[in-house]
C-alpha atoms as a PDB file:
ATOM      1  CA  ILE A   1      -5.109   6.390 -15.583  1.00  0.00           C
ATOM      2  CA  TYR A   2      -1.519   5.291 -16.171  1.00  0.00           C
ATOM      3  CA  TYR A   3       0.152   2.424 -14.328  1.00  0.00           C
ATOM      4  CA  SER A   4       3.845   2.003 -13.561  1.00  0.00           C
ATOM      5  CA  PHE A   5       6.237   0.352 -11.166  1.00  0.00           C
ATOM      6  CA  SER A   6       7.071   2.396  -8.106  1.00  0.00           C
ATOM      7  CA  ASP A   7      10.509   4.020  -7.943  1.00  0.00           C
ATOM      8  CA  THR A   8      11.329   1.637  -5.086  1.00  0.00           C
ATOM      9  CA  ILE A   9      11.419  -1.363  -7.473  1.00  0.00           C
ATOM     10  CA  SER A  10      14.998  -2.229  -8.467  1.00  0.00           C
ATOM     11  CA  ASP A  11      16.044  -2.191 -12.120  1.00  0.00           C
ATOM     12  CA  LYS A  12      16.863  -5.899 -11.868  1.00  0.00           C
ATOM     13  CA  VAL A  13      13.282  -6.722 -10.857  1.00  0.00           C
ATOM     14  CA  GLN A  14      11.860  -4.350 -13.479  1.00  0.00           C
ATOM     15  CA  ASP A  15      13.819  -6.303 -16.118  1.00  0.00           C
ATOM     16  CA  LEU A  16      11.882  -9.452 -15.123  1.00  0.00           C
ATOM     17  CA  PHE A  17       8.411  -7.907 -15.398  1.00  0.00           C
ATOM     18  CA  ARG A  18       6.582  -5.420 -17.570  1.00  0.00           C
ATOM     19  CA  ILE A  19       3.444  -3.478 -16.870  1.00  0.00           C
ATOM     20  CA  ASP A  20       1.008  -2.189 -19.471  1.00  0.00           C
ATOM     21  CA  SER A  21       0.738   1.514 -18.681  1.00  0.00           C
ATOM     22  CA  LYS A  22      -2.889   1.704 -19.829  1.00  0.00           C
ATOM     23  CA  SER A  23      -4.408  -1.524 -18.510  1.00  0.00           C
ATOM     24  CA  GLY A  24      -2.118  -2.233 -15.542  1.00  0.00           C
ATOM     25  CA  GLU A  25      -1.598  -5.818 -16.709  1.00  0.00           C
ATOM     26  CA  ILE A  26       1.649  -7.289 -15.378  1.00  0.00           C
ATOM     27  CA  ARG A  27       3.523  -9.948 -17.355  1.00  0.00           C
ATOM     28  CA  THR A  28       6.841 -11.700 -17.004  1.00  0.00           C
ATOM     29  CA  ASP A  29       9.544 -10.389 -19.303  1.00  0.00           C
ATOM     30  CA  GLY A  30      12.357 -12.589 -18.065  1.00  0.00           C
ATOM     31  CA  GLU A  31      12.958 -16.014 -16.620  1.00  0.00           C
ATOM     32  CA  LEU A  32      11.925 -16.555 -13.002  1.00  0.00           C
ATOM     33  CA  ASN A  33      13.945 -19.112 -11.070  1.00  0.00           C
ATOM     34  CA  PHE A  34      12.615 -20.538  -7.817  1.00  0.00           C
ATOM     35  CA  GLU A  35      16.144 -21.359  -6.627  1.00  0.00           C
ATOM     36  CA  ASP A  36      17.155 -17.674  -6.914  1.00  0.00           C
ATOM     37  CA  ILE A  37      14.074 -15.886  -5.551  1.00  0.00           C
ATOM     38  CA  GLN A  38      10.888 -17.520  -4.245  1.00  0.00           C
ATOM     39  CA  SER A  39       8.693 -14.409  -4.155  1.00  0.00           C
ATOM     40  CA  TYR A  40       8.491 -10.817  -5.367  1.00  0.00           C
ATOM     41  CA  ASP A  41       6.743  -7.820  -3.882  1.00  0.00           C
ATOM     42  CA  LEU A  42       5.897  -5.360  -6.667  1.00  0.00           C
ATOM     43  CA  GLU A  43       4.819  -1.850  -5.728  1.00  0.00           C
ATOM     44  CA  ILE A  44       2.520  -0.410  -8.402  1.00  0.00           C
ATOM     45  CA  GLU A  45       1.488   3.212  -8.874  1.00  0.00           C
ATOM     46  CA  ALA A  46      -1.641   4.410 -10.688  1.00  0.00           C
ATOM     47  CA  ARG A  47      -1.713   8.081 -11.681  1.00  0.00           C
ATOM     48  CA  ASP A  48      -4.373  10.136 -13.427  1.00  0.00           C
ATOM     49  CA  GLN A  49      -3.875  13.129 -15.714  1.00  0.00           C
ATOM     50  CA  GLY A  50      -5.666  15.667 -13.540  1.00  0.00           C
ATOM     51  CA  THR A  51      -4.308  18.977 -12.361  1.00  0.00           C
ATOM     52  CA  PRO A  52      -2.762  18.239  -9.979  1.00  0.00           C
ATOM     53  CA  PRO A  53      -2.379  14.543 -10.821  1.00  0.00           C
ATOM     54  CA  LEU A  54      -3.631  12.135  -8.184  1.00  0.00           C
ATOM     55  CA  SER A  55      -2.016   8.780  -7.564  1.00  0.00           C
ATOM     56  CA  GLY A  56      -2.669   5.578  -5.705  1.00  0.00           C
ATOM     57  CA  HIS A  57      -0.411   2.695  -4.783  1.00  0.00           C
ATOM     58  CA  CYS A  58      -0.814  -1.020  -4.297  1.00  0.00           C
ATOM     59  CA  SER A  59       1.409  -3.993  -3.598  1.00  0.00           C
ATOM     60  CA  VAL A  60       1.330  -7.120  -5.763  1.00  0.00           C
ATOM     61  CA  GLU A  61       2.811 -10.217  -4.158  1.00  0.00           C
ATOM     62  CA  LEU A  62       4.038 -12.872  -6.568  1.00  0.00           C
ATOM     63  CA  GLU A  63       5.007 -16.370  -5.411  1.00  0.00           C
ATOM     64  CA  VAL A  64       7.262 -18.437  -7.686  1.00  0.00           C
ATOM     65  CA  LEU A  65       6.544 -22.174  -7.720  1.00  0.00           C
ATOM     66  CA  ASP A  66       9.231 -24.807  -8.242  1.00  0.00           C
ATOM     67  CA  VAL A  67       8.004 -26.793 -11.267  1.00  0.00           C
ATOM     68  CA  ASN A  68      10.869 -29.289 -11.048  1.00  0.00           C
ATOM     69  CA  ASP A  69       9.558 -30.808  -7.789  1.00  0.00           C
END
């Protein structure tokens, strides 16, 4: 199974996060700022290598906390 961001995720958001295509682990790859955006909704796709390939989707909701307060 291979994991990726859905095509609906903007390039700007994809620059802030990375997803391991084999494990599905999501990590930050940029700086998140609470004052700019307080939450993200990441659409993830999992696809197998069958013929035809099957896929599933899920939504990951990420809430950014303000550490200055």
